[in-house]
Amino acid sequence: MITRALVVASVLVQERVYEWGWGMHPMWGLWGIWGIGMMLFMFLFWGLVIVGIVVGIRWLVRQGRPEVADSALEILRQRYARGEINREEFEAKRRDLAR
């Protein structure tokens, strides 16, 4: 008898009257705004994850390449060292490359 009363009591405790109808479902609070908001945050989360992966891969790929500006400056230094250009021309071109 006590077991039967405990079973009935546990069933009654678990009953959620507020979730019986569609209008009372927690996802439909404020005319469906909660459900739409959760969906938008899900898209935002996965969008950020995908963007983070793409940016990370691009960063890893760039780690192995020398930068173009450094190679151009190196060529300019070599030309100056060989005497192909004078100091004024070297400084003017170096300022142009720095921009």
N, C-alpha and C. Protein backbone atom coordinates (compact mmCIF):
# COMPACT_ATOMS: atom_id res chain seq x y z
N MET A 1 0.81 -1.19 0.00
CA MET A 1 0.00 0.00 0.00
C MET A 1 0.86 1.27 0.00
N ILE A 2 1.89 1.26 0.81
CA ILE A 2 2.79 2.41 0.84
C ILE A 2 3.52 2.52 -0.50
N THR A 3 3.89 1.40 -1.08
CA THR A 3 4.58 1.41 -2.37
C THR A 3 3.68 2.01 -3.44
N ARG A 4 2.41 1.59 -3.44
CA ARG A 4 1.47 2.12 -4.41
C ARG A 4 1.29 3.62 -4.23
N ALA A 5 1.22 4.08 -3.01
CA ALA A 5 1.07 5.51 -2.74
C ALA A 5 2.30 6.29 -3.20
N LEU A 6 3.50 5.73 -3.02
CA LEU A 6 4.73 6.38 -3.47
C LEU A 6 4.79 6.45 -5.00
N VAL A 7 4.34 5.40 -5.68
CA VAL A 7 4.33 5.40 -7.13
C VAL A 7 3.38 6.48 -7.65
N VAL A 8 2.18 6.55 -7.06
CA VAL A 8 1.19 7.55 -7.48
C VAL A 8 1.72 8.95 -7.18
N ALA A 9 2.34 9.13 -6.04
CA ALA A 9 2.87 10.44 -5.66
C ALA A 9 4.00 10.85 -6.61
N SER A 10 4.88 9.90 -6.99
CA SER A 10 5.98 10.25 -7.90
C SER A 10 5.46 10.62 -9.29
N VAL A 11 4.37 9.97 -9.74
CA VAL A 11 3.78 10.32 -11.02
C VAL A 11 3.17 11.72 -10.96
N LEU A 12 2.48 12.02 -9.87
CA LEU A 12 1.86 13.34 -9.73
C LEU A 12 2.90 14.45 -9.61
N VAL A 13 4.03 14.16 -8.99
CA VAL A 13 5.07 15.17 -8.84
C VAL A 13 5.70 15.49 -10.20
N GLN A 14 5.82 14.49 -11.07
CA GLN A 14 6.45 14.70 -12.37
C GLN A 14 5.53 15.33 -13.39
N GLU A 15 4.26 15.40 -13.12
CA GLU A 15 3.29 15.95 -14.07
C GLU A 15 3.49 17.46 -14.19
N ARG A 16 3.58 17.93 -15.41
CA ARG A 16 3.77 19.37 -15.67
C ARG A 16 2.56 19.87 -16.44
N VAL A 17 1.66 20.45 -15.73
CA VAL A 17 0.42 20.91 -16.33
C VAL A 17 0.68 22.07 -17.29
N TYR A 18 1.67 22.89 -17.02
CA TYR A 18 1.92 24.06 -17.85
C TYR A 18 2.44 23.71 -19.23
N GLU A 19 2.86 22.47 -19.50
CA GLU A 19 3.36 22.10 -20.81
C GLU A 19 2.34 21.33 -21.65
N TRP A 20 1.10 21.29 -21.23
CA TRP A 20 0.12 20.48 -21.96
C TRP A 20 -0.23 21.07 -23.31
N GLY A 21 -0.42 22.35 -23.42
CA GLY A 21 -0.86 22.96 -24.68
C GLY A 21 0.29 23.62 -25.41
N TRP A 22 0.09 23.85 -26.72
CA TRP A 22 1.12 24.49 -27.53
C TRP A 22 1.37 25.93 -27.07
N GLY A 23 0.34 26.58 -26.62
CA GLY A 23 0.50 27.96 -26.20
C GLY A 23 1.32 28.11 -24.94
N MET A 24 1.47 27.04 -24.21
CA MET A 24 2.19 27.11 -22.95
C MET A 24 3.58 26.49 -23.03
N HIS A 25 4.01 26.06 -24.19
CA HIS A 25 5.33 25.44 -24.32
C HIS A 25 6.41 26.50 -24.12
N PRO A 26 7.49 26.16 -23.39
CA PRO A 26 8.53 27.16 -23.10
C PRO A 26 9.17 27.77 -24.36
N MET A 27 9.24 27.03 -25.47
CA MET A 27 9.83 27.57 -26.69
C MET A 27 8.93 28.62 -27.34
N TRP A 28 7.65 28.62 -26.98
CA TRP A 28 6.72 29.55 -27.61
C TRP A 28 6.43 30.76 -26.75
N GLY A 29 7.26 31.02 -25.74
CA GLY A 29 7.05 32.19 -24.89
C GLY A 29 7.14 33.47 -25.71
N LEU A 30 6.35 34.42 -25.41
CA LEU A 30 6.30 35.71 -26.10
C LEU A 30 6.05 35.53 -27.60
N TRP A 31 5.07 34.76 -27.95
CA TRP A 31 4.62 34.54 -29.34
C TRP A 31 5.70 33.91 -30.22
N GLY A 32 6.51 33.04 -29.66
CA GLY A 32 7.51 32.33 -30.45
C GLY A 32 8.86 32.99 -30.53
N ILE A 33 9.04 34.09 -29.82
CA ILE A 33 10.31 34.81 -29.87
C ILE A 33 11.46 33.97 -29.31
N TRP A 34 11.21 33.20 -28.27
CA TRP A 34 12.29 32.41 -27.67
C TRP A 34 12.81 31.37 -28.65
N GLY A 35 11.91 30.72 -29.35
CA GLY A 35 12.34 29.71 -30.32
C GLY A 35 13.12 30.33 -31.47
N ILE A 36 12.67 31.47 -31.97
CA ILE A 36 13.37 32.15 -33.06
C ILE A 36 14.72 32.66 -32.56
N GLY A 37 14.75 33.20 -31.36
CA GLY A 37 16.02 33.68 -30.78
C GLY A 37 17.03 32.56 -30.60
N MET A 38 16.57 31.40 -30.14
CA MET A 38 17.47 30.26 -29.99
C MET A 38 18.02 29.82 -31.34
N MET A 39 17.17 29.83 -32.35
CA MET A 39 17.60 29.44 -33.69
C MET A 39 18.65 30.44 -34.22
N LEU A 40 18.43 31.73 -34.02
CA LEU A 40 19.39 32.73 -34.48
C LEU A 40 20.73 32.60 -33.76
N PHE A 41 20.68 32.34 -32.45
CA PHE A 41 21.92 32.15 -31.72
C PHE A 41 22.65 30.89 -32.16
N MET A 42 21.91 29.85 -32.54
CA MET A 42 22.54 28.65 -33.07
C MET A 42 23.27 28.96 -34.37
N PHE A 43 22.62 29.72 -35.28
CA PHE A 43 23.27 30.10 -36.54
C PHE A 43 24.49 30.98 -36.27
N LEU A 44 24.38 31.90 -35.33
CA LEU A 44 25.51 32.76 -34.98
C LEU A 44 26.68 31.93 -34.43
N PHE A 45 26.38 30.98 -33.55
CA PHE A 45 27.42 30.13 -32.98
C PHE A 45 28.14 29.34 -34.05
N TRP A 46 27.38 28.66 -34.92
CA TRP A 46 28.02 27.85 -35.96
C TRP A 46 28.72 28.72 -36.99
N GLY A 47 28.20 29.90 -37.25
CA GLY A 47 28.88 30.83 -38.16
C GLY A 47 30.23 31.24 -37.60
N LEU A 48 30.28 31.54 -36.30
CA LEU A 48 31.55 31.91 -35.67
C LEU A 48 32.52 30.74 -35.66
N VAL A 49 32.03 29.53 -35.44
CA VAL A 49 32.90 28.36 -35.47
C VAL A 49 33.50 28.18 -36.86
N ILE A 50 32.68 28.30 -37.89
CA ILE A 50 33.17 28.13 -39.27
C ILE A 50 34.15 29.23 -39.63
N VAL A 51 33.84 30.48 -39.28
CA VAL A 51 34.75 31.60 -39.57
C VAL A 51 36.07 31.40 -38.82
N GLY A 52 36.01 30.94 -37.60
CA GLY A 52 37.23 30.69 -36.84
C GLY A 52 38.10 29.61 -37.48
N ILE A 53 37.47 28.56 -37.98
CA ILE A 53 38.23 27.50 -38.65
C ILE A 53 38.87 28.02 -39.92
N VAL A 54 38.13 28.79 -40.72
CA VAL A 54 38.67 29.33 -41.97
C VAL A 54 39.83 30.28 -41.69
N VAL A 55 39.67 31.18 -40.70
CA VAL A 55 40.74 32.12 -40.37
C VAL A 55 41.96 31.36 -39.85
N GLY A 56 41.75 30.34 -39.04
CA GLY A 56 42.86 29.55 -38.54
C GLY A 56 43.62 28.83 -39.64
N ILE A 57 42.90 28.26 -40.60
CA ILE A 57 43.56 27.58 -41.71
C ILE A 57 44.33 28.57 -42.57
N ARG A 58 43.75 29.72 -42.85
CA ARG A 58 44.45 30.74 -43.64
C ARG A 58 45.70 31.23 -42.92
N TRP A 59 45.63 31.37 -41.61
CA TRP A 59 46.79 31.79 -40.84
C TRP A 59 47.89 30.74 -40.91
N LEU A 60 47.51 29.47 -40.78
CA LEU A 60 48.51 28.40 -40.86
C LEU A 60 49.16 28.33 -42.24
N VAL A 61 48.38 28.54 -43.29
CA VAL A 61 48.92 28.50 -44.65
C VAL A 61 49.91 29.64 -44.87
N ARG A 62 49.62 30.80 -44.33
CA ARG A 62 50.50 31.96 -44.52
C ARG A 62 51.79 31.85 -43.74
N GLN A 63 51.87 30.98 -42.74
CA GLN A 63 53.07 30.88 -41.92
C GLN A 63 54.28 30.41 -42.73
N GLY A 64 54.07 29.61 -43.77
CA GLY A 64 55.18 29.08 -44.54
C GLY A 64 55.66 29.99 -45.65
N ARG A 65 54.91 31.02 -46.00
CA ARG A 65 55.26 31.90 -47.12
C ARG A 65 55.98 33.15 -46.65
N PRO A 66 56.99 33.58 -47.38
CA PRO A 66 57.58 34.88 -47.06
C PRO A 66 56.67 35.99 -47.56
N GLU A 67 56.70 37.11 -46.90
CA GLU A 67 55.83 38.21 -47.29
C GLU A 67 56.39 38.91 -48.52
N VAL A 68 55.50 39.43 -49.35
CA VAL A 68 55.89 40.07 -50.59
C VAL A 68 56.68 41.34 -50.32
N ALA A 69 56.27 42.11 -49.35
CA ALA A 69 56.94 43.37 -49.06
C ALA A 69 58.39 43.13 -48.64
N ASP A 70 58.64 42.07 -47.87
CA ASP A 70 60.01 41.78 -47.44
C ASP A 70 60.88 41.37 -48.63
N SER A 71 60.33 40.61 -49.56
CA SER A 71 61.13 40.19 -50.71
C SER A 71 61.43 41.39 -51.61
N ALA A 72 60.48 42.31 -51.76
CA ALA A 72 60.72 43.51 -52.56
C ALA A 72 61.79 44.38 -51.90
N LEU A 73 61.75 44.50 -50.61
CA LEU A 73 62.76 45.28 -49.90
C LEU A 73 64.12 44.61 -50.00
N GLU A 74 64.14 43.30 -49.97
CA GLU A 74 65.40 42.57 -50.12
C GLU A 74 66.01 42.80 -51.51
N ILE A 75 65.19 42.78 -52.54
CA ILE A 75 65.67 43.06 -53.90
C ILE A 75 66.22 44.48 -53.98
N LEU A 76 65.52 45.42 -53.34
CA LEU A 76 65.98 46.81 -53.33
C LEU A 76 67.33 46.93 -52.63
N ARG A 77 67.51 46.24 -51.53
CA ARG A 77 68.79 46.26 -50.81
C ARG A 77 69.91 45.67 -51.66
N GLN A 78 69.61 44.60 -52.37
CA GLN A 78 70.61 43.98 -53.24
C GLN A 78 71.02 44.92 -54.36
N ARG A 79 70.07 45.61 -54.96
CA ARG A 79 70.39 46.57 -56.03
C ARG A 79 71.25 47.71 -55.48
N TYR A 80 70.95 48.16 -54.28
CA TYR A 80 71.74 49.23 -53.67
C TYR A 80 73.16 48.72 -53.36
N ALA A 81 73.24 47.49 -52.87
CA ALA A 81 74.56 46.92 -52.55
C ALA A 81 75.40 46.72 -53.81
N ARG A 82 74.80 46.40 -54.94
CA ARG A 82 75.53 46.22 -56.19
C ARG A 82 75.88 47.55 -56.84
N GLY A 83 75.30 48.63 -56.37
CA GLY A 83 75.59 49.95 -56.91
C GLY A 83 74.71 50.33 -58.09
N GLU A 84 73.62 49.61 -58.29
CA GLU A 84 72.72 49.93 -59.41
C GLU A 84 71.92 51.20 -59.14
N ILE A 85 71.66 51.49 -57.86
CA ILE A 85 70.93 52.71 -57.51
C ILE A 85 71.71 53.45 -56.43
N ASN A 86 71.51 54.78 -56.37
CA ASN A 86 72.21 55.56 -55.35
C ASN A 86 71.38 55.63 -54.07
N ARG A 87 71.93 56.30 -53.06
CA ARG A 87 71.28 56.34 -51.74
C ARG A 87 69.93 57.05 -51.79
N GLU A 88 69.82 58.16 -52.50
CA GLU A 88 68.56 58.91 -52.56
C GLU A 88 67.47 58.06 -53.21
N GLU A 89 67.83 57.37 -54.28
CA GLU A 89 66.86 56.52 -54.96
C GLU A 89 66.44 55.35 -54.07
N PHE A 90 67.42 54.80 -53.33
CA PHE A 90 67.13 53.70 -52.40
C PHE A 90 66.16 54.16 -51.32
N GLU A 91 66.41 55.32 -50.72
CA GLU A 91 65.54 55.82 -49.65
C GLU A 91 64.13 56.13 -50.17
N ALA A 92 64.03 56.69 -51.36
CA ALA A 92 62.72 57.01 -51.94
C ALA A 92 61.92 55.73 -52.20
N LYS A 93 62.57 54.72 -52.75
CA LYS A 93 61.87 53.46 -53.03
C LYS A 93 61.51 52.71 -51.75
N ARG A 94 62.38 52.81 -50.74
CA ARG A 94 62.10 52.15 -49.46
C ARG A 94 60.88 52.79 -48.78
N ARG A 95 60.76 54.12 -48.86
CA ARG A 95 59.59 54.79 -48.31
C ARG A 95 58.32 54.38 -49.07
N ASP A 96 58.44 54.24 -50.38
CA ASP A 96 57.28 53.79 -51.18
C ASP A 96 56.85 52.39 -50.79
N LEU A 97 57.80 51.53 -50.52
CA LEU A 97 57.46 50.15 -50.12
C LEU A 97 56.86 50.10 -48.72
N ALA A 98 57.23 51.04 -47.87
CA ALA A 98 56.72 51.04 -46.50
C ALA A 98 55.26 51.45 -46.42
N ARG A 99 54.75 52.11 -47.45
CA ARG A 99 53.34 52.54 -47.44
C ARG A 99 52.40 51.43 -47.64
